């Protein structure tokens, strides 16, 4: 159950990072990549939590498996959201000629 809560917390934190990055991108000329910031900070948080679990007496193999899942699910979602194609601000999609023309 703790693993599920940690994954859900990670997904919620991802959306907070994306919202803050969106606000910052509208207010400043610099581009802020919320997904990239999230992935690095989420990795640091899961490593720290892993070390706390090992010091508390849990087995390294068990903690490694659990924390791999806790990190991978939100990080994969962040990577997907970062790399998906975005619509242009005008709402038009880019039209490419077909290869048979």
N, C-alpha and C. Protein backbone atom coordinates (compact mmCIF):
# COMPACT_ATOMS: atom_id res chain seq x y z
N UNK A 1 0.82 -1.18 0.00
CA UNK A 1 0.00 0.00 0.00
C UNK A 1 0.87 1.26 0.00
N UNK A 2 1.98 1.20 0.73
CA UNK A 2 2.89 2.33 0.78
C UNK A 2 3.47 2.62 -0.60
N UNK A 3 3.75 1.58 -1.36
CA UNK A 3 4.29 1.75 -2.71
C UNK A 3 3.28 2.46 -3.60
N UNK A 4 2.02 2.07 -3.51
CA UNK A 4 0.97 2.71 -4.30
C UNK A 4 0.86 4.19 -3.95
N UNK A 5 0.89 4.51 -2.66
CA UNK A 5 0.82 5.91 -2.24
C UNK A 5 2.03 6.70 -2.75
N UNK A 6 3.20 6.08 -2.72
CA UNK A 6 4.40 6.76 -3.19
C UNK A 6 4.32 7.03 -4.69
N UNK A 7 3.82 6.08 -5.46
CA UNK A 7 3.67 6.27 -6.91
C UNK A 7 2.64 7.36 -7.19
N UNK A 8 1.51 7.32 -6.49
CA UNK A 8 0.49 8.35 -6.68
C UNK A 8 1.00 9.73 -6.27
N UNK A 9 1.77 9.79 -5.20
CA UNK A 9 2.37 11.06 -4.78
C UNK A 9 3.33 11.56 -5.86
N UNK A 10 4.10 10.67 -6.44
CA UNK A 10 5.02 11.05 -7.51
C UNK A 10 4.30 11.60 -8.72
N UNK A 11 3.18 10.98 -9.09
CA UNK A 11 2.40 11.47 -10.23
C UNK A 11 1.80 12.84 -9.92
N UNK A 12 1.30 13.01 -8.70
CA UNK A 12 0.77 14.32 -8.30
C UNK A 12 1.87 15.38 -8.31
N UNK A 13 3.04 15.03 -7.81
CA UNK A 13 4.17 15.96 -7.81
C UNK A 13 4.57 16.32 -9.24
N UNK A 14 4.52 15.36 -10.15
CA UNK A 14 4.83 15.63 -11.55
C UNK A 14 3.91 16.70 -12.10
N UNK A 15 2.62 16.58 -11.85
CA UNK A 15 1.68 17.56 -12.38
C UNK A 15 1.88 18.94 -11.75
N UNK A 16 2.32 18.97 -10.50
CA UNK A 16 2.66 20.26 -9.87
C UNK A 16 3.87 20.87 -10.58
N UNK A 17 4.89 20.07 -10.85
CA UNK A 17 6.08 20.56 -11.55
C UNK A 17 5.70 21.07 -12.94
N UNK A 18 4.84 20.34 -13.65
CA UNK A 18 4.45 20.76 -14.99
C UNK A 18 3.64 22.06 -14.94
N UNK A 19 2.78 22.21 -13.94
CA UNK A 19 1.99 23.43 -13.81
C UNK A 19 2.89 24.63 -13.50
N UNK A 20 3.82 24.45 -12.58
CA UNK A 20 4.74 25.54 -12.23
C UNK A 20 5.60 25.90 -13.44
N UNK A 21 6.08 24.92 -14.17
CA UNK A 21 6.89 25.19 -15.37
C UNK A 21 6.07 25.94 -16.42
N UNK A 22 4.81 25.57 -16.57
CA UNK A 22 3.95 26.26 -17.53
C UNK A 22 3.77 27.73 -17.15
N UNK A 23 3.55 27.98 -15.87
CA UNK A 23 3.40 29.36 -15.40
C UNK A 23 4.69 30.15 -15.62
N UNK A 24 5.82 29.54 -15.28
CA UNK A 24 7.11 30.22 -15.46
C UNK A 24 7.41 30.47 -16.94
N UNK A 25 7.04 29.54 -17.80
CA UNK A 25 7.29 29.71 -19.23
C UNK A 25 6.46 30.85 -19.81
N UNK A 26 5.29 31.10 -19.27
CA UNK A 26 4.46 32.21 -19.74
C UNK A 26 4.97 33.55 -19.24
N UNK A 27 5.61 33.57 -18.08
CA UNK A 27 6.05 34.82 -17.47
C UNK A 27 7.46 35.23 -17.84
N UNK A 28 8.29 34.30 -18.25
CA UNK A 28 9.68 34.62 -18.54
C UNK A 28 10.04 34.18 -19.95
N UNK A 29 11.13 34.70 -20.45
CA UNK A 29 11.60 34.33 -21.78
C UNK A 29 12.34 33.00 -21.76
N UNK A 30 12.80 32.59 -20.59
CA UNK A 30 13.52 31.33 -20.49
C UNK A 30 12.55 30.16 -20.52
N UNK A 31 12.99 29.06 -21.06
CA UNK A 31 12.17 27.86 -21.12
C UNK A 31 12.52 26.95 -19.94
N UNK A 32 11.51 26.58 -19.17
CA UNK A 32 11.70 25.71 -18.02
C UNK A 32 11.09 24.36 -18.35
N UNK A 33 11.87 23.31 -18.21
CA UNK A 33 11.40 21.95 -18.49
C UNK A 33 11.01 21.28 -17.17
N UNK A 34 9.73 21.35 -16.83
CA UNK A 34 9.25 20.80 -15.57
C UNK A 34 9.45 19.30 -15.45
N UNK A 35 9.31 18.58 -16.56
CA UNK A 35 9.48 17.13 -16.54
C UNK A 35 10.92 16.75 -16.21
N UNK A 36 11.87 17.46 -16.80
CA UNK A 36 13.27 17.14 -16.54
C UNK A 36 13.63 17.43 -15.08
N UNK A 37 13.18 18.58 -14.55
CA UNK A 37 13.42 18.90 -13.14
C UNK A 37 12.80 17.84 -12.24
N UNK A 38 11.57 17.43 -12.58
CA UNK A 38 10.89 16.42 -11.78
C UNK A 38 11.67 15.12 -11.75
N UNK A 39 12.12 14.65 -12.91
CA UNK A 39 12.81 13.36 -12.97
C UNK A 39 14.05 13.37 -12.08
N UNK A 40 14.84 14.43 -12.15
CA UNK A 40 16.06 14.48 -11.33
C UNK A 40 15.74 14.57 -9.84
N UNK A 41 14.78 15.39 -9.47
CA UNK A 41 14.44 15.51 -8.06
C UNK A 41 13.74 14.26 -7.54
N UNK A 42 12.93 13.61 -8.37
CA UNK A 42 12.27 12.38 -7.97
C UNK A 42 13.30 11.26 -7.79
N UNK A 43 14.32 11.23 -8.65
CA UNK A 43 15.40 10.26 -8.48
C UNK A 43 16.11 10.47 -7.15
N UNK A 44 16.41 11.71 -6.82
CA UNK A 44 17.08 11.99 -5.55
C UNK A 44 16.20 11.58 -4.36
N UNK A 45 14.91 11.86 -4.44
CA UNK A 45 14.00 11.50 -3.35
C UNK A 45 13.89 9.99 -3.19
N UNK A 46 13.83 9.26 -4.30
CA UNK A 46 13.71 7.80 -4.18
C UNK A 46 15.01 7.17 -3.67
N UNK A 47 16.15 7.73 -4.05
CA UNK A 47 17.43 7.21 -3.54
C UNK A 47 17.53 7.44 -2.04
N UNK A 48 17.14 8.62 -1.58
CA UNK A 48 17.17 8.90 -0.14
C UNK A 48 16.22 7.97 0.60
N UNK A 49 15.02 7.77 0.05
CA UNK A 49 14.06 6.88 0.70
C UNK A 49 14.56 5.44 0.70
N UNK A 50 15.25 5.04 -0.36
CA UNK A 50 15.86 3.72 -0.43
C UNK A 50 16.88 3.54 0.70
N UNK A 51 17.74 4.52 0.88
CA UNK A 51 18.76 4.43 1.93
C UNK A 51 18.13 4.39 3.32
N UNK A 52 17.07 5.14 3.52
CA UNK A 52 16.37 5.11 4.81
C UNK A 52 15.80 3.72 5.06
N UNK A 53 15.21 3.11 4.04
CA UNK A 53 14.64 1.77 4.17
C UNK A 53 15.69 0.71 4.48
N UNK A 54 16.84 0.81 3.83
CA UNK A 54 17.92 -0.15 4.07
C UNK A 54 18.45 0.01 5.48
N UNK A 55 18.63 1.25 5.93
CA UNK A 55 19.12 1.48 7.29
C UNK A 55 18.11 1.04 8.34
N UNK A 56 16.82 1.01 7.97
CA UNK A 56 15.79 0.56 8.90
C UNK A 56 15.75 -0.97 9.01
N UNK A 57 16.53 -1.66 8.18
CA UNK A 57 16.62 -3.10 8.31
C UNK A 57 15.96 -3.89 7.18
N UNK A 58 15.41 -3.22 6.19
CA UNK A 58 14.83 -3.94 5.06
C UNK A 58 15.95 -4.43 4.14
N UNK A 59 15.68 -5.49 3.45
CA UNK A 59 16.68 -6.06 2.55
C UNK A 59 16.92 -5.16 1.35
N UNK A 60 18.17 -5.16 0.88
CA UNK A 60 18.53 -4.31 -0.26
C UNK A 60 17.75 -4.73 -1.50
N UNK A 61 17.62 -6.02 -1.76
CA UNK A 61 16.91 -6.49 -2.95
C UNK A 61 15.45 -6.07 -2.93
N UNK A 62 14.81 -6.19 -1.77
CA UNK A 62 13.41 -5.78 -1.65
C UNK A 62 13.26 -4.28 -1.87
N UNK A 63 14.10 -3.50 -1.21
CA UNK A 63 14.03 -2.04 -1.35
C UNK A 63 14.35 -1.61 -2.78
N UNK A 64 15.30 -2.27 -3.40
CA UNK A 64 15.66 -1.92 -4.77
C UNK A 64 14.49 -2.16 -5.73
N UNK A 65 13.82 -3.29 -5.58
CA UNK A 65 12.67 -3.58 -6.43
C UNK A 65 11.53 -2.60 -6.22
N UNK A 66 11.23 -2.31 -4.97
CA UNK A 66 10.13 -1.39 -4.65
C UNK A 66 10.46 0.02 -5.15
N UNK A 67 11.67 0.47 -4.91
CA UNK A 67 12.03 1.83 -5.29
C UNK A 67 12.23 1.98 -6.80
N UNK A 68 12.57 0.91 -7.47
CA UNK A 68 12.62 0.97 -8.93
C UNK A 68 11.22 1.25 -9.48
N UNK A 69 10.22 0.60 -8.91
CA UNK A 69 8.84 0.84 -9.31
C UNK A 69 8.38 2.24 -8.93
N UNK A 70 8.71 2.66 -7.72
CA UNK A 70 8.31 3.99 -7.25
C UNK A 70 8.92 5.07 -8.14
N UNK A 71 10.15 4.87 -8.60
CA UNK A 71 10.78 5.86 -9.47
C UNK A 71 10.27 5.74 -10.90
N UNK A 72 10.19 4.52 -11.42
CA UNK A 72 9.96 4.31 -12.84
C UNK A 72 8.59 4.77 -13.33
N UNK A 73 7.54 4.55 -12.58
CA UNK A 73 6.20 4.88 -13.07
C UNK A 73 6.03 6.39 -13.25
N UNK A 74 6.28 7.22 -12.24
CA UNK A 74 6.15 8.67 -12.47
C UNK A 74 7.18 9.21 -13.46
N UNK A 75 8.40 8.68 -13.44
CA UNK A 75 9.43 9.16 -14.37
C UNK A 75 9.08 8.81 -15.82
N UNK A 76 8.52 7.64 -16.04
CA UNK A 76 8.10 7.26 -17.40
C UNK A 76 6.97 8.16 -17.88
N UNK A 77 6.03 8.46 -17.00
CA UNK A 77 4.95 9.37 -17.36
C UNK A 77 5.51 10.76 -17.68
N UNK A 78 6.47 11.23 -16.89
CA UNK A 78 7.09 12.53 -17.15
C UNK A 78 7.79 12.53 -18.50
N UNK A 79 8.52 11.46 -18.79
CA UNK A 79 9.23 11.36 -20.06
C UNK A 79 8.25 11.34 -21.23
N UNK A 80 7.15 10.61 -21.08
CA UNK A 80 6.13 10.57 -22.12
C UNK A 80 5.53 11.95 -22.35
N UNK A 81 5.14 12.62 -21.29
CA UNK A 81 4.53 13.94 -21.42
C UNK A 81 5.51 14.95 -22.00
N UNK A 82 6.79 14.78 -21.72
CA UNK A 82 7.81 15.69 -22.24
C UNK A 82 8.05 15.46 -23.72
N UNK A 83 7.99 14.24 -24.19
CA UNK A 83 8.37 13.92 -25.56
C UNK A 83 7.22 13.83 -26.54
N UNK A 84 6.00 13.94 -26.05
CA UNK A 84 4.86 13.84 -26.98
C UNK A 84 4.79 15.10 -27.84
N UNK A 85 4.26 14.96 -29.04
CA UNK A 85 4.14 16.14 -29.91
C UNK A 85 3.09 17.11 -29.36
N UNK A 86 3.39 18.38 -29.48
CA UNK A 86 2.47 19.40 -28.99
C UNK A 86 1.83 20.12 -30.17
N UNK A 87 0.59 20.54 -29.98
CA UNK A 87 -0.09 21.31 -31.01
C UNK A 87 0.47 22.72 -31.02
N UNK A 88 0.43 23.35 -32.18
CA UNK A 88 0.91 24.72 -32.27
C UNK A 88 -0.07 25.65 -31.55
N UNK A 89 0.38 26.83 -31.17
CA UNK A 89 -0.50 27.76 -30.44
C UNK A 89 -1.75 28.14 -31.24
N UNK A 90 -1.66 28.13 -32.57
CA UNK A 90 -2.82 28.46 -33.39
C UNK A 90 -3.79 27.30 -33.51
N UNK A 91 -3.41 26.13 -33.04
CA UNK A 91 -4.28 24.97 -33.10
C UNK A 91 -4.16 24.20 -34.40
N UNK A 92 -3.25 24.63 -35.27
CA UNK A 92 -3.07 23.94 -36.54
C UNK A 92 -1.97 22.90 -36.40
N UNK A 93 -2.15 21.79 -37.09
CA UNK A 93 -1.13 20.76 -37.09
C UNK A 93 -0.23 20.95 -38.30
N UNK A 94 1.03 20.53 -38.14
CA UNK A 94 1.97 20.64 -39.23
C UNK A 94 1.59 19.63 -40.31
N UNK A 95 1.53 20.08 -41.55
CA UNK A 95 1.18 19.21 -42.66
C UNK A 95 2.44 18.93 -43.45
N UNK A 96 2.75 17.65 -43.61
CA UNK A 96 3.92 17.25 -44.36
C UNK A 96 3.46 16.58 -45.64
N UNK A 97 4.18 16.85 -46.74
CA UNK A 97 3.79 16.19 -47.99
C UNK A 97 4.07 14.69 -47.90
N UNK A 98 3.27 13.92 -48.61
CA UNK A 98 3.47 12.48 -48.58
C UNK A 98 4.69 12.13 -49.42
N UNK A 99 5.22 10.97 -49.24
CA UNK A 99 6.45 10.56 -49.93
C UNK A 99 6.21 10.20 -51.39
N UNK A 100 4.95 10.02 -51.81
CA UNK A 100 4.67 9.63 -53.19
C UNK A 100 4.43 10.83 -54.10
N UNK A 101 4.63 12.04 -53.62
CA UNK A 101 4.42 13.22 -54.45
C UNK A 101 5.68 13.59 -55.17
